[in-house]
Amino acid sequence: FEGENAFITTDGKKLYHDSCAACHMHKGEGAYGAGYYPPLADNSKMESKYYIIDILINGFRGMPSFHGMMNDEQMAAVTQYIVNDLNGFNEIVTAEDVAQLRHEKPPASDPSDE
């Protein structure tokens, strides 16, 4: 992480390489090993920006949630990189797209913390 429990950049490529590439590989090809890390490149599921945003916000199976680590602009930037650069789709991703799906409570938050 670049800051205190969070990223500070809004560069989608850098965010991808700092937060996603360790598991999904630098070219998004995915990997098998201690687990299965699905490919993000050449993956038709990545055509839906909302699919990616939902996974970033909520996590998925073994992937952690980035709800508290990335703001809306950062999630939009990394989503834009995955959609356009790794897959060649032509989609605009905005912070407003992320805000539509973001919820107040992070996944697996403890209600007793209130």
N, C-alpha and C. Protein backbone atom coordinates (compact mmCIF):
# COMPACT_ATOMS: atom_id res chain seq x y z
N PHE A 1 0.84 -1.19 0.00
CA PHE A 1 0.00 0.00 0.00
C PHE A 1 0.87 1.23 0.00
N GLU A 2 0.40 2.27 -0.63
CA GLU A 2 1.18 3.48 -0.73
C GLU A 2 0.97 4.40 0.46
N GLY A 3 -0.22 4.48 0.97
CA GLY A 3 -0.53 5.37 2.09
C GLY A 3 -0.87 4.54 3.32
N GLU A 4 -1.52 5.16 4.25
CA GLU A 4 -1.92 4.45 5.46
C GLU A 4 -3.14 3.60 5.14
N ASN A 5 -2.94 2.30 4.93
CA ASN A 5 -4.00 1.35 4.59
C ASN A 5 -4.77 1.73 3.34
N ALA A 6 -4.14 2.44 2.44
CA ALA A 6 -4.85 2.84 1.22
C ALA A 6 -3.85 3.17 0.11
N PHE A 7 -4.37 3.24 -1.08
CA PHE A 7 -3.57 3.65 -2.23
C PHE A 7 -3.74 5.15 -2.40
N ILE A 8 -2.75 5.81 -3.00
CA ILE A 8 -2.87 7.25 -3.19
C ILE A 8 -2.96 7.64 -4.66
N THR A 9 -2.56 6.80 -5.57
CA THR A 9 -2.57 7.13 -6.99
C THR A 9 -3.95 6.96 -7.61
N THR A 10 -4.17 7.61 -8.72
CA THR A 10 -5.38 7.39 -9.50
C THR A 10 -5.01 6.88 -10.90
N ASP A 11 -3.80 6.38 -11.05
CA ASP A 11 -3.34 5.80 -12.31
C ASP A 11 -3.79 4.34 -12.34
N GLY A 12 -4.72 4.03 -13.25
CA GLY A 12 -5.29 2.68 -13.31
C GLY A 12 -4.27 1.59 -13.54
N LYS A 13 -3.30 1.83 -14.40
CA LYS A 13 -2.27 0.83 -14.68
C LYS A 13 -1.44 0.57 -13.42
N LYS A 14 -1.05 1.62 -12.73
CA LYS A 14 -0.26 1.46 -11.50
C LYS A 14 -1.08 0.75 -10.42
N LEU A 15 -2.33 1.13 -10.28
CA LEU A 15 -3.19 0.46 -9.30
C LEU A 15 -3.31 -1.03 -9.61
N TYR A 16 -3.48 -1.35 -10.90
CA TYR A 16 -3.56 -2.75 -11.29
C TYR A 16 -2.28 -3.49 -10.91
N HIS A 17 -1.14 -2.93 -11.28
CA HIS A 17 0.13 -3.61 -11.01
C HIS A 17 0.45 -3.67 -9.52
N ASP A 18 0.00 -2.69 -8.75
CA ASP A 18 0.25 -2.70 -7.31
C ASP A 18 -0.72 -3.59 -6.55
N SER A 19 -1.93 -3.78 -7.06
CA SER A 19 -2.93 -4.47 -6.26
C SER A 19 -3.49 -5.75 -6.88
N CYS A 20 -3.40 -5.92 -8.17
CA CYS A 20 -4.03 -7.05 -8.84
C CYS A 20 -3.05 -8.04 -9.47
N ALA A 21 -1.94 -7.51 -9.96
CA ALA A 21 -1.02 -8.31 -10.77
C ALA A 21 -0.35 -9.44 -10.00
N ALA A 22 -0.19 -9.31 -8.71
CA ALA A 22 0.46 -10.38 -7.94
C ALA A 22 -0.29 -11.70 -8.07
N CYS A 23 -1.60 -11.63 -8.19
CA CYS A 23 -2.40 -12.85 -8.34
C CYS A 23 -2.83 -13.09 -9.79
N HIS A 24 -3.28 -12.03 -10.46
CA HIS A 24 -3.83 -12.16 -11.81
C HIS A 24 -2.77 -12.00 -12.90
N MET A 25 -1.53 -11.75 -12.51
CA MET A 25 -0.37 -11.61 -13.37
C MET A 25 -0.38 -10.26 -14.11
N HIS A 26 0.80 -9.85 -14.53
CA HIS A 26 0.98 -8.51 -15.09
C HIS A 26 0.23 -8.27 -16.40
N LYS A 27 0.05 -9.29 -17.18
CA LYS A 27 -0.70 -9.14 -18.43
C LYS A 27 -2.14 -9.61 -18.28
N GLY A 28 -2.54 -9.91 -17.01
CA GLY A 28 -3.91 -10.33 -16.74
C GLY A 28 -4.23 -11.75 -17.15
N GLU A 29 -3.20 -12.56 -17.37
CA GLU A 29 -3.42 -13.92 -17.87
C GLU A 29 -3.91 -14.91 -16.81
N GLY A 30 -3.91 -14.52 -15.54
CA GLY A 30 -4.35 -15.41 -14.48
C GLY A 30 -3.28 -16.43 -14.14
N ALA A 31 -3.55 -17.25 -13.11
CA ALA A 31 -2.55 -18.22 -12.68
C ALA A 31 -3.21 -19.35 -11.89
N TYR A 32 -2.51 -20.47 -11.87
CA TYR A 32 -2.84 -21.61 -11.00
C TYR A 32 -1.67 -21.78 -10.07
N GLY A 33 -1.93 -22.21 -8.87
CA GLY A 33 -0.85 -22.44 -7.92
C GLY A 33 -1.48 -22.83 -6.60
N ALA A 34 -1.24 -22.04 -5.58
CA ALA A 34 -1.87 -22.29 -4.28
C ALA A 34 -3.38 -22.08 -4.38
N GLY A 35 -3.81 -21.46 -5.44
CA GLY A 35 -5.22 -21.23 -5.71
C GLY A 35 -5.40 -20.98 -7.19
N TYR A 36 -6.63 -20.65 -7.57
CA TYR A 36 -6.92 -20.31 -8.95
C TYR A 36 -7.19 -18.82 -9.02
N TYR A 37 -6.45 -18.14 -9.87
CA TYR A 37 -6.60 -16.70 -10.06
C TYR A 37 -7.05 -16.51 -11.50
N PRO A 38 -8.33 -16.23 -11.71
CA PRO A 38 -8.85 -16.19 -13.08
C PRO A 38 -8.21 -15.11 -13.93
N PRO A 39 -8.15 -15.36 -15.22
CA PRO A 39 -7.60 -14.34 -16.12
C PRO A 39 -8.53 -13.13 -16.18
N LEU A 40 -7.94 -11.96 -16.23
CA LEU A 40 -8.71 -10.73 -16.40
C LEU A 40 -8.59 -10.23 -17.83
N ALA A 41 -7.57 -10.68 -18.54
CA ALA A 41 -7.38 -10.33 -19.95
C ALA A 41 -8.12 -11.33 -20.82
N ASP A 42 -8.60 -10.85 -21.95
CA ASP A 42 -9.33 -11.71 -22.88
C ASP A 42 -10.44 -12.49 -22.18
N ASN A 43 -11.17 -11.80 -21.33
CA ASN A 43 -12.23 -12.40 -20.53
C ASN A 43 -13.51 -11.60 -20.79
N SER A 44 -14.50 -12.24 -21.39
CA SER A 44 -15.73 -11.54 -21.77
C SER A 44 -16.48 -10.97 -20.57
N LYS A 45 -16.28 -11.53 -19.38
CA LYS A 45 -16.93 -10.98 -18.18
C LYS A 45 -16.44 -9.56 -17.88
N MET A 46 -15.25 -9.24 -18.34
CA MET A 46 -14.67 -7.93 -18.06
C MET A 46 -15.27 -6.83 -18.93
N GLU A 47 -16.18 -7.20 -19.83
CA GLU A 47 -16.86 -6.19 -20.65
C GLU A 47 -17.83 -5.38 -19.80
N SER A 48 -18.29 -5.95 -18.69
CA SER A 48 -19.20 -5.24 -17.79
C SER A 48 -18.42 -4.53 -16.70
N LYS A 49 -18.36 -3.21 -16.80
CA LYS A 49 -17.66 -2.44 -15.77
C LYS A 49 -18.30 -2.65 -14.41
N TYR A 50 -19.60 -2.86 -14.38
CA TYR A 50 -20.27 -3.04 -13.09
C TYR A 50 -19.91 -4.37 -12.43
N TYR A 51 -19.63 -5.37 -13.23
CA TYR A 51 -19.17 -6.66 -12.70
C TYR A 51 -17.85 -6.48 -11.96
N ILE A 52 -16.92 -5.78 -12.60
CA ILE A 52 -15.60 -5.54 -12.01
C ILE A 52 -15.73 -4.68 -10.76
N ILE A 53 -16.49 -3.61 -10.85
CA ILE A 53 -16.66 -2.70 -9.71
C ILE A 53 -17.25 -3.45 -8.52
N ASP A 54 -18.25 -4.28 -8.77
CA ASP A 54 -18.87 -5.05 -7.69
C ASP A 54 -17.84 -5.94 -6.99
N ILE A 55 -16.99 -6.59 -7.76
CA ILE A 55 -15.97 -7.46 -7.17
C ILE A 55 -14.95 -6.62 -6.40
N LEU A 56 -14.55 -5.47 -6.93
CA LEU A 56 -13.61 -4.62 -6.19
C LEU A 56 -14.21 -4.17 -4.85
N ILE A 57 -15.47 -3.80 -4.87
CA ILE A 57 -16.11 -3.32 -3.64
C ILE A 57 -16.32 -4.44 -2.63
N ASN A 58 -16.79 -5.58 -3.10
CA ASN A 58 -17.22 -6.65 -2.19
C ASN A 58 -16.24 -7.80 -2.03
N GLY A 59 -15.24 -7.88 -2.90
CA GLY A 59 -14.38 -9.06 -2.90
C GLY A 59 -15.13 -10.21 -3.57
N PHE A 60 -14.44 -11.32 -3.75
CA PHE A 60 -15.07 -12.47 -4.40
C PHE A 60 -14.26 -13.70 -4.09
N ARG A 61 -14.90 -14.66 -3.45
CA ARG A 61 -14.22 -15.88 -3.02
C ARG A 61 -12.96 -15.51 -2.24
N GLY A 62 -11.77 -15.81 -2.72
CA GLY A 62 -10.55 -15.51 -1.99
C GLY A 62 -10.01 -14.11 -2.20
N MET A 63 -10.63 -13.35 -3.10
CA MET A 63 -10.13 -12.00 -3.36
C MET A 63 -10.68 -11.03 -2.32
N PRO A 64 -9.81 -10.20 -1.76
CA PRO A 64 -10.27 -9.26 -0.73
C PRO A 64 -11.10 -8.12 -1.32
N SER A 65 -11.86 -7.50 -0.47
CA SER A 65 -12.59 -6.29 -0.84
C SER A 65 -11.63 -5.11 -0.82
N PHE A 66 -11.79 -4.22 -1.78
CA PHE A 66 -11.00 -2.99 -1.79
C PHE A 66 -11.85 -1.80 -1.33
N HIS A 67 -12.98 -2.10 -0.71
CA HIS A 67 -13.93 -1.08 -0.24
C HIS A 67 -13.26 0.01 0.56
N GLY A 68 -12.42 -0.37 1.51
CA GLY A 68 -11.76 0.60 2.36
C GLY A 68 -10.38 1.02 1.89
N MET A 69 -9.92 0.43 0.80
CA MET A 69 -8.56 0.72 0.32
C MET A 69 -8.53 1.65 -0.87
N MET A 70 -9.59 1.67 -1.66
CA MET A 70 -9.64 2.52 -2.85
C MET A 70 -10.88 3.38 -2.81
N ASN A 71 -10.73 4.62 -3.22
CA ASN A 71 -11.90 5.48 -3.33
C ASN A 71 -12.56 5.24 -4.70
N ASP A 72 -13.65 5.95 -4.95
CA ASP A 72 -14.41 5.73 -6.18
C ASP A 72 -13.57 6.02 -7.43
N GLU A 73 -12.78 7.08 -7.40
CA GLU A 73 -11.96 7.44 -8.56
C GLU A 73 -10.91 6.36 -8.84
N GLN A 74 -10.32 5.82 -7.78
CA GLN A 74 -9.31 4.77 -7.96
C GLN A 74 -9.94 3.49 -8.51
N MET A 75 -11.10 3.10 -7.97
CA MET A 75 -11.76 1.90 -8.49
C MET A 75 -12.14 2.09 -9.95
N ALA A 76 -12.58 3.29 -10.30
CA ALA A 76 -12.92 3.57 -11.70
C ALA A 76 -11.68 3.45 -12.58
N ALA A 77 -10.56 3.96 -12.10
CA ALA A 77 -9.32 3.94 -12.89
C ALA A 77 -8.82 2.51 -13.13
N VAL A 78 -8.82 1.68 -12.11
CA VAL A 78 -8.34 0.31 -12.29
C VAL A 78 -9.33 -0.48 -13.14
N THR A 79 -10.62 -0.20 -12.98
CA THR A 79 -11.63 -0.86 -13.82
C THR A 79 -11.45 -0.46 -15.28
N GLN A 80 -11.22 0.81 -15.52
CA GLN A 80 -10.98 1.30 -16.89
C GLN A 80 -9.78 0.59 -17.51
N TYR A 81 -8.73 0.40 -16.73
CA TYR A 81 -7.53 -0.29 -17.22
C TYR A 81 -7.87 -1.74 -17.59
N ILE A 82 -8.59 -2.43 -16.74
CA ILE A 82 -8.94 -3.83 -16.99
C ILE A 82 -9.84 -3.94 -18.23
N VAL A 83 -10.85 -3.10 -18.30
CA VAL A 83 -11.81 -3.14 -19.41
C VAL A 83 -11.13 -2.80 -20.74
N ASN A 84 -10.44 -1.68 -20.77
CA ASN A 84 -9.90 -1.19 -22.05
C ASN A 84 -8.53 -1.75 -22.39
N ASP A 85 -7.59 -1.66 -21.47
CA ASP A 85 -6.21 -2.04 -21.80
C ASP A 85 -6.00 -3.55 -21.82
N LEU A 86 -6.60 -4.27 -20.90
CA LEU A 86 -6.39 -5.72 -20.87
C LEU A 86 -7.34 -6.47 -21.80
N ASN A 87 -8.45 -5.83 -22.16
CA ASN A 87 -9.46 -6.53 -22.96
C ASN A 87 -9.81 -5.88 -24.28
N GLY A 88 -9.43 -4.64 -24.48
CA GLY A 88 -9.70 -3.98 -25.74
C GLY A 88 -11.14 -3.53 -25.93
N PHE A 89 -11.93 -3.51 -24.86
CA PHE A 89 -13.29 -3.00 -24.96
C PHE A 89 -13.22 -1.47 -24.92
N ASN A 90 -14.24 -0.83 -25.44
CA ASN A 90 -14.28 0.62 -25.47
C ASN A 90 -15.37 1.09 -24.51
N GLU A 91 -14.99 1.32 -23.28
CA GLU A 91 -15.96 1.66 -22.23
C GLU A 91 -15.37 2.78 -21.39
N ILE A 92 -16.20 3.74 -21.03
CA ILE A 92 -15.80 4.80 -20.11
C ILE A 92 -16.27 4.39 -18.72
N VAL A 93 -15.38 4.47 -17.76
CA VAL A 93 -15.70 4.12 -16.38
C VAL A 93 -15.47 5.37 -15.54
N THR A 94 -16.47 5.75 -14.76
CA THR A 94 -16.37 6.97 -13.96
C THR A 94 -16.52 6.67 -12.47
N ALA A 95 -16.10 7.62 -11.67
CA ALA A 95 -16.29 7.51 -10.22
C ALA A 95 -17.78 7.42 -9.89
N GLU A 96 -18.62 8.03 -10.69
CA GLU A 96 -20.07 7.96 -10.47
C GLU A 96 -20.58 6.53 -10.67
N ASP A 97 -19.98 5.78 -11.60
CA ASP A 97 -20.35 4.37 -11.78
C ASP A 97 -20.06 3.59 -10.50
N VAL A 98 -18.92 3.86 -9.90
CA VAL A 98 -18.55 3.18 -8.66
C VAL A 98 -19.50 3.59 -7.54
N ALA A 99 -19.79 4.88 -7.43
CA ALA A 99 -20.65 5.38 -6.37
C ALA A 99 -22.04 4.73 -6.41
N GLN A 100 -22.51 4.38 -7.59
CA GLN A 100 -23.82 3.71 -7.72
C GLN A 100 -23.85 2.38 -6.98
N LEU A 101 -22.71 1.71 -6.93
CA LEU A 101 -22.66 0.37 -6.32
C LEU A 101 -22.09 0.36 -4.90
N ARG A 102 -21.35 1.40 -4.56
CA ARG A 102 -20.71 1.42 -3.23
C ARG A 102 -21.78 1.54 -2.15
N HIS A 103 -21.58 0.82 -1.08
CA HIS A 103 -22.47 0.86 0.07
C HIS A 103 -21.68 1.31 1.28
N GLU A 104 -22.40 1.75 2.30
CA GLU A 104 -21.73 2.34 3.46
C GLU A 104 -20.88 1.34 4.22
N LYS A 105 -21.40 0.15 4.44
CA LYS A 105 -20.69 -0.85 5.24
C LYS A 105 -19.80 -1.70 4.36
N PRO A 106 -18.54 -1.82 4.72
CA PRO A 106 -17.67 -2.74 3.96
C PRO A 106 -18.11 -4.18 4.17
N PRO A 107 -17.82 -5.04 3.22
CA PRO A 107 -18.16 -6.46 3.37
C PRO A 107 -17.53 -7.03 4.64
N ALA A 108 -18.27 -7.92 5.26
CA ALA A 108 -17.83 -8.62 6.46
C ALA A 108 -17.54 -7.67 7.62
N SER A 109 -18.19 -6.50 7.59
CA SER A 109 -18.01 -5.60 8.73
C SER A 109 -18.77 -6.16 9.91
N ASP A 110 -18.31 -5.85 11.08
CA ASP A 110 -18.89 -6.36 12.30
C ASP A 110 -19.91 -5.35 12.85
N PRO A 111 -21.21 -5.70 12.88
CA PRO A 111 -22.22 -4.75 13.35
C PRO A 111 -21.97 -4.28 14.79
N SER A 112 -21.25 -5.06 15.57
CA SER A 112 -20.99 -4.67 16.96
C SER A 112 -19.97 -3.55 17.06
N ASP A 113 -19.32 -3.21 15.93
CA ASP A 113 -18.35 -2.12 15.94
C ASP A 113 -19.01 -0.76 15.96
N GLU A 114 -20.31 -0.71 15.80
CA GLU A 114 -21.01 0.58 15.75
C GLU A 114 -21.15 1.20 17.12
